Amino acid sequence: MIKIWIISFTVIVLLVLFYSVIPTLIIRIYNLGITKKVQGESRIVLTFDDGPNPHYTPQLLDLLKRYGVKATFFVVGSKVKRNSNIIKRMHEEGHTIGIHHYDHISSWLMSPFKLRNQLIMTEKAITECTNEKVTFYRPPWGHFNLFTQLISKKYEIIMWSDIFGDWKVETCKTELLDQLRKTTDGGSILLLHDCGETFGADIEAPRYMLENLEIYLKEMTERGRRFITFSEL
């Protein structure tokens, strides 16, 4: 009985690994079908995940408008439904809007059918606000499963070159600005978060992210760096 249990457990573990972890490692190590950098010596792409948030995302849009910066937002479909006015503002102000699942759930935990529905529902929620085709997709946590790229083949999958841990207040207070200042390479894709409501995040983290981002934007725009969205490429 114990031997059968061990064999069964081993088979389950192997199936999980081959369905989730191994595809993710292969895709991200070998950059298979994903974008992690863009062309251009003076261009940087700012991206924001997990919103829209009714409190912090409007503040972020105000900040970007003040510096004349356009960004790309990977939004959670269920939050889009609750904050459609914010999505409409994003679109009207020239930002790019992409998919980040309808619920903030890892692809590791979803069947192919559920993943497909997450993409369809999020695209529908965005399109109802913008009346435009959705082109870009970023899976939460950068997790893929065995079928992700097949199911999402109509989209361009965007990853990142730099991630900062800005979902934690302490990181924002002590490290974020220095980390941002080090990302001066043209073609960088920066990942930040405009919502702290997801698992493992601090609710107030975006407040401190915004404080550091403003300093960074001021310094970088003075140096002539250009921030673009993926729609401009």
Protein backbone atom coordinates (compact mmCIF):
# COMPACT_ATOMS: atom_id res chain seq x y z
CA MET A 1 0.00 0.00 0.00
CA ILE A 2 2.79 2.46 0.90
CA LYS A 3 4.63 1.65 -2.33
CA ILE A 4 1.49 2.34 -4.40
CA TRP A 5 1.00 5.64 -2.55
CA ILE A 6 4.60 6.68 -3.23
CA ILE A 7 4.28 5.83 -6.92
CA SER A 8 1.01 7.72 -7.20
CA PHE A 9 2.43 10.76 -5.44
CA THR A 10 5.51 10.73 -7.68
CA VAL A 11 3.37 10.55 -10.82
CA ILE A 12 1.24 13.48 -9.65
CA VAL A 13 4.31 15.58 -8.86
CA LEU A 14 5.82 14.84 -12.27
CA LEU A 15 2.57 15.71 -14.04
CA VAL A 16 2.38 19.02 -12.18
CA LEU A 17 6.00 19.83 -13.02
CA PHE A 18 5.56 19.03 -16.71
CA TYR A 19 2.30 21.00 -16.85
CA SER A 20 3.49 24.14 -15.07
CA VAL A 21 6.99 24.65 -13.73
CA ILE A 22 9.02 23.10 -16.55
CA PRO A 23 7.20 24.97 -19.38
CA THR A 24 7.68 28.22 -17.44
CA LEU A 25 11.40 27.62 -17.01
CA ILE A 26 11.95 26.67 -20.64
CA ILE A 27 9.95 29.62 -22.01
CA ARG A 28 11.62 32.17 -19.77
CA ILE A 29 15.19 30.84 -20.01
CA TYR A 30 15.11 30.56 -23.81
CA ASN A 31 12.77 33.54 -24.43
CA LEU A 32 10.38 31.41 -26.45
CA GLY A 33 7.58 33.53 -27.87
CA ILE A 34 7.94 36.29 -25.27
CA THR A 35 9.18 39.88 -25.28
CA LYS A 36 11.59 40.99 -22.54
CA LYS A 37 13.30 43.95 -24.25
CA VAL A 38 12.44 46.45 -26.97
CA GLN A 39 14.57 48.08 -29.65
CA GLY A 40 15.84 51.61 -29.12
CA GLU A 41 18.75 53.14 -27.23
CA SER A 42 16.73 55.95 -25.65
CA ARG A 43 13.39 54.22 -25.12
CA ILE A 44 12.07 52.61 -21.94
CA VAL A 45 8.72 50.88 -21.45
CA LEU A 46 6.90 51.39 -18.16
CA THR A 47 4.41 48.65 -17.35
CA PHE A 48 2.01 48.30 -14.43
CA ASP A 49 0.31 45.12 -13.23
CA ASP A 50 -2.66 44.12 -11.06
CA GLY A 51 -4.92 47.19 -11.40
CA PRO A 52 -6.95 49.14 -11.87
CA ASN A 53 -7.16 50.27 -8.26
CA PRO A 54 -9.76 52.99 -7.54
CA HIS A 55 -7.42 54.88 -5.21
CA TYR A 56 -3.92 54.50 -6.63
CA THR A 57 -4.41 54.11 -10.38
CA PRO A 58 -5.94 57.61 -10.83
CA GLN A 59 -2.98 59.03 -8.89
CA LEU A 60 -0.63 57.16 -11.19
CA LEU A 61 -2.44 58.49 -14.27
CA ASP A 62 -2.14 62.02 -12.87
CA LEU A 63 1.59 61.52 -12.38
CA LEU A 64 2.14 60.13 -15.88
CA LYS A 65 0.14 62.99 -17.39
CA ARG A 66 2.19 65.54 -15.48
CA TYR A 67 5.40 64.23 -17.05
CA GLY A 68 3.92 63.48 -20.45
CA VAL A 69 4.67 59.77 -20.07
CA LYS A 70 2.70 56.93 -21.65
CA ALA A 71 2.66 53.46 -20.06
CA THR A 72 1.28 49.96 -20.57
CA PHE A 73 -1.19 48.54 -18.06
CA PHE A 74 -1.82 44.81 -17.65
CA VAL A 75 -5.20 44.79 -15.98
CA VAL A 76 -7.28 42.26 -14.04
CA GLY A 77 -10.60 41.78 -15.79
CA SER A 78 -12.76 41.61 -12.67
CA LYS A 79 -11.32 44.97 -11.56
CA VAL A 80 -11.96 46.42 -15.00
CA LYS A 81 -15.64 45.64 -14.58
CA ARG A 82 -15.70 47.54 -11.27
CA ASN A 83 -13.59 50.48 -12.48
CA SER A 84 -14.52 50.98 -16.13
CA ASN A 85 -14.15 54.76 -15.83
CA ILE A 86 -10.44 54.34 -15.02
CA ILE A 87 -9.90 52.09 -18.05
CA LYS A 88 -11.66 54.62 -20.27
CA ARG A 89 -9.37 57.33 -18.92
CA MET A 90 -6.28 55.18 -19.56
CA HIS A 91 -7.37 54.71 -23.14
CA GLU A 92 -8.28 58.36 -23.71
CA GLU A 93 -4.88 59.49 -22.39
CA GLY A 94 -2.98 57.23 -24.79
CA HIS A 95 -1.89 54.36 -22.58
CA THR A 96 -1.84 50.76 -23.78
CA ILE A 97 -4.04 48.21 -22.00
CA GLY A 98 -3.29 44.48 -21.94
CA ILE A 99 -4.60 41.32 -20.29
CA HIS A 100 -3.51 40.06 -16.87
CA HIS A 101 -6.27 37.41 -16.41
CA TYR A 102 -9.82 38.03 -15.23
CA ASP A 103 -8.83 36.93 -11.73
CA HIS A 104 -5.28 37.21 -10.44
CA ILE A 105 -4.65 33.47 -10.65
CA SER A 106 -1.51 31.67 -11.76
CA SER A 107 -1.66 29.71 -15.00
CA TRP A 108 -0.18 26.85 -13.00
CA LEU A 109 -3.53 26.44 -11.26
CA MET A 110 -5.75 26.56 -14.33
CA SER A 111 -6.91 24.05 -16.87
CA PRO A 112 -6.58 25.02 -20.55
CA PHE A 113 -10.34 25.64 -20.64
CA LYS A 114 -10.24 27.95 -17.62
CA LEU A 115 -7.24 29.85 -18.96
CA ARG A 116 -9.02 30.41 -22.26
CA ASN A 117 -12.05 31.80 -20.44
CA GLN A 118 -9.86 34.11 -18.35
CA LEU A 119 -8.41 35.62 -21.52
CA ILE A 120 -11.76 35.92 -23.27
CA MET A 121 -13.50 37.56 -20.31
CA THR A 122 -10.69 40.05 -19.74
CA GLU A 123 -10.48 41.00 -23.40
CA LYS A 124 -14.24 41.52 -23.46
CA ALA A 125 -14.12 43.73 -20.35
CA ILE A 126 -11.35 45.89 -21.85
CA THR A 127 -12.95 46.12 -25.29
CA GLU A 128 -16.25 47.26 -23.80
CA CYS A 129 -14.38 50.26 -22.36
CA THR A 130 -12.08 51.07 -25.28
CA ASN A 131 -13.78 49.70 -28.42
CA GLU A 132 -10.34 48.57 -29.55
CA LYS A 133 -8.66 45.22 -30.11
CA VAL A 134 -6.55 43.86 -27.26
CA THR A 135 -3.08 42.86 -28.43
CA PHE A 136 -0.90 42.26 -25.36
CA TYR A 137 -0.91 39.74 -22.52
CA ARG A 138 1.17 39.17 -19.40
CA PRO A 139 0.37 36.11 -17.25
CA PRO A 140 0.34 36.78 -13.49
CA TRP A 141 3.71 36.09 -11.85
CA GLY A 142 5.05 35.27 -15.32
CA HIS A 143 3.71 31.74 -14.95
CA PHE A 144 3.02 29.57 -17.99
CA ASN A 145 1.49 26.14 -18.34
CA LEU A 146 1.86 23.59 -21.10
CA PHE A 147 -0.93 25.19 -23.17
CA THR A 148 -0.50 28.91 -22.43
CA GLN A 149 1.23 29.88 -25.65
CA LEU A 150 -1.18 27.88 -27.80
CA ILE A 151 -4.24 29.38 -26.12
CA SER A 152 -2.83 32.93 -26.11
CA LYS A 153 -1.32 32.84 -29.62
CA LYS A 154 -3.43 35.81 -30.80
CA TYR A 155 -1.63 38.06 -28.29
CA GLU A 156 1.95 39.25 -27.90
CA ILE A 157 3.24 37.99 -24.54
CA ILE A 158 5.10 40.70 -22.66
CA MET A 159 7.45 39.89 -19.80
CA TRP A 160 10.01 42.30 -18.33
CA SER A 161 13.70 43.07 -18.12
CA ASP A 162 13.49 44.60 -14.62
CA ILE A 163 11.28 43.79 -11.63
CA PHE A 164 11.60 45.54 -8.28
CA GLY A 165 9.52 43.91 -5.56
CA ASP A 166 7.51 47.12 -5.27
CA TRP A 167 4.51 45.18 -3.94
CA LYS A 168 6.16 45.45 -0.49
CA VAL A 169 6.15 48.73 1.45
CA GLU A 170 9.59 48.12 2.95
CA THR A 171 11.14 47.53 -0.47
CA CYS A 172 9.60 50.74 -1.78
CA LYS A 173 10.92 52.70 1.17
CA THR A 174 14.47 51.37 1.18
CA GLU A 175 15.39 50.03 -2.26
CA LEU A 176 13.02 51.00 -5.06
CA LEU A 177 14.47 54.36 -6.07
CA ASP A 178 18.02 53.04 -6.24
CA GLN A 179 16.83 50.08 -8.28
CA LEU A 180 14.93 52.33 -10.68
CA ARG A 181 17.95 54.59 -11.11
CA LYS A 182 20.02 51.60 -12.22
CA THR A 183 17.59 50.82 -15.06
CA THR A 184 18.91 53.29 -17.58
CA ASP A 185 19.45 50.88 -20.49
CA GLY A 186 17.50 51.65 -23.63
CA GLY A 187 14.98 48.96 -24.45
CA SER A 188 14.24 48.08 -20.83
CA ILE A 189 10.76 46.90 -19.84
CA LEU A 190 10.09 47.90 -16.24
CA LEU A 191 7.48 46.12 -14.12
CA LEU A 192 5.72 48.02 -11.33
CA HIS A 193 2.36 47.57 -9.59
CA ASP A 194 -0.50 50.04 -9.19
CA CYS A 195 -2.51 47.80 -6.86
CA GLY A 196 -1.53 46.06 -3.61
CA GLU A 197 -4.58 43.86 -3.25
CA THR A 198 -3.04 40.65 -4.59
CA PHE A 199 -1.66 37.71 -2.62
CA GLY A 200 1.64 38.55 -0.93
CA ALA A 201 1.38 42.30 -1.56
CA ASP A 202 0.99 45.17 0.88
CA ILE A 203 -2.17 47.23 0.41
CA GLU A 204 -0.32 50.56 0.76
CA ALA A 205 2.71 49.63 -1.36
CA PRO A 206 1.55 51.63 -4.42
CA ARG A 207 1.58 54.83 -2.33
CA TYR A 208 5.32 54.51 -1.81
CA MET A 209 5.89 53.25 -5.35
CA LEU A 210 4.34 56.48 -6.66
CA GLU A 211 6.60 58.65 -4.51
CA ASN A 212 9.71 56.98 -5.90
CA LEU A 213 8.39 56.82 -9.45
CA GLU A 214 7.90 60.58 -9.52
CA ILE A 215 11.55 61.18 -8.63
CA TYR A 216 12.64 58.66 -11.25
CA LEU A 217 10.46 60.17 -13.99
CA LYS A 218 11.74 63.65 -13.26
CA GLU A 219 15.37 62.54 -13.42
CA MET A 220 14.94 60.42 -16.54
CA THR A 221 12.96 62.96 -18.54
CA GLU A 222 15.61 65.58 -17.73
CA ARG A 223 18.18 63.17 -19.20
CA GLY A 224 16.18 62.82 -22.40
CA ARG A 225 14.92 59.29 -21.91
CA ARG A 226 11.70 58.57 -23.79
CA PHE A 227 9.00 56.38 -22.26
CA ILE A 228 6.81 54.56 -24.78
CA THR A 229 3.94 52.12 -24.82
CA PHE A 230 3.85 48.85 -26.75
CA SER A 231 1.27 50.31 -29.11
CA GLU A 232 3.93 52.75 -30.33
CA LEU A 233 6.40 50.05 -31.36
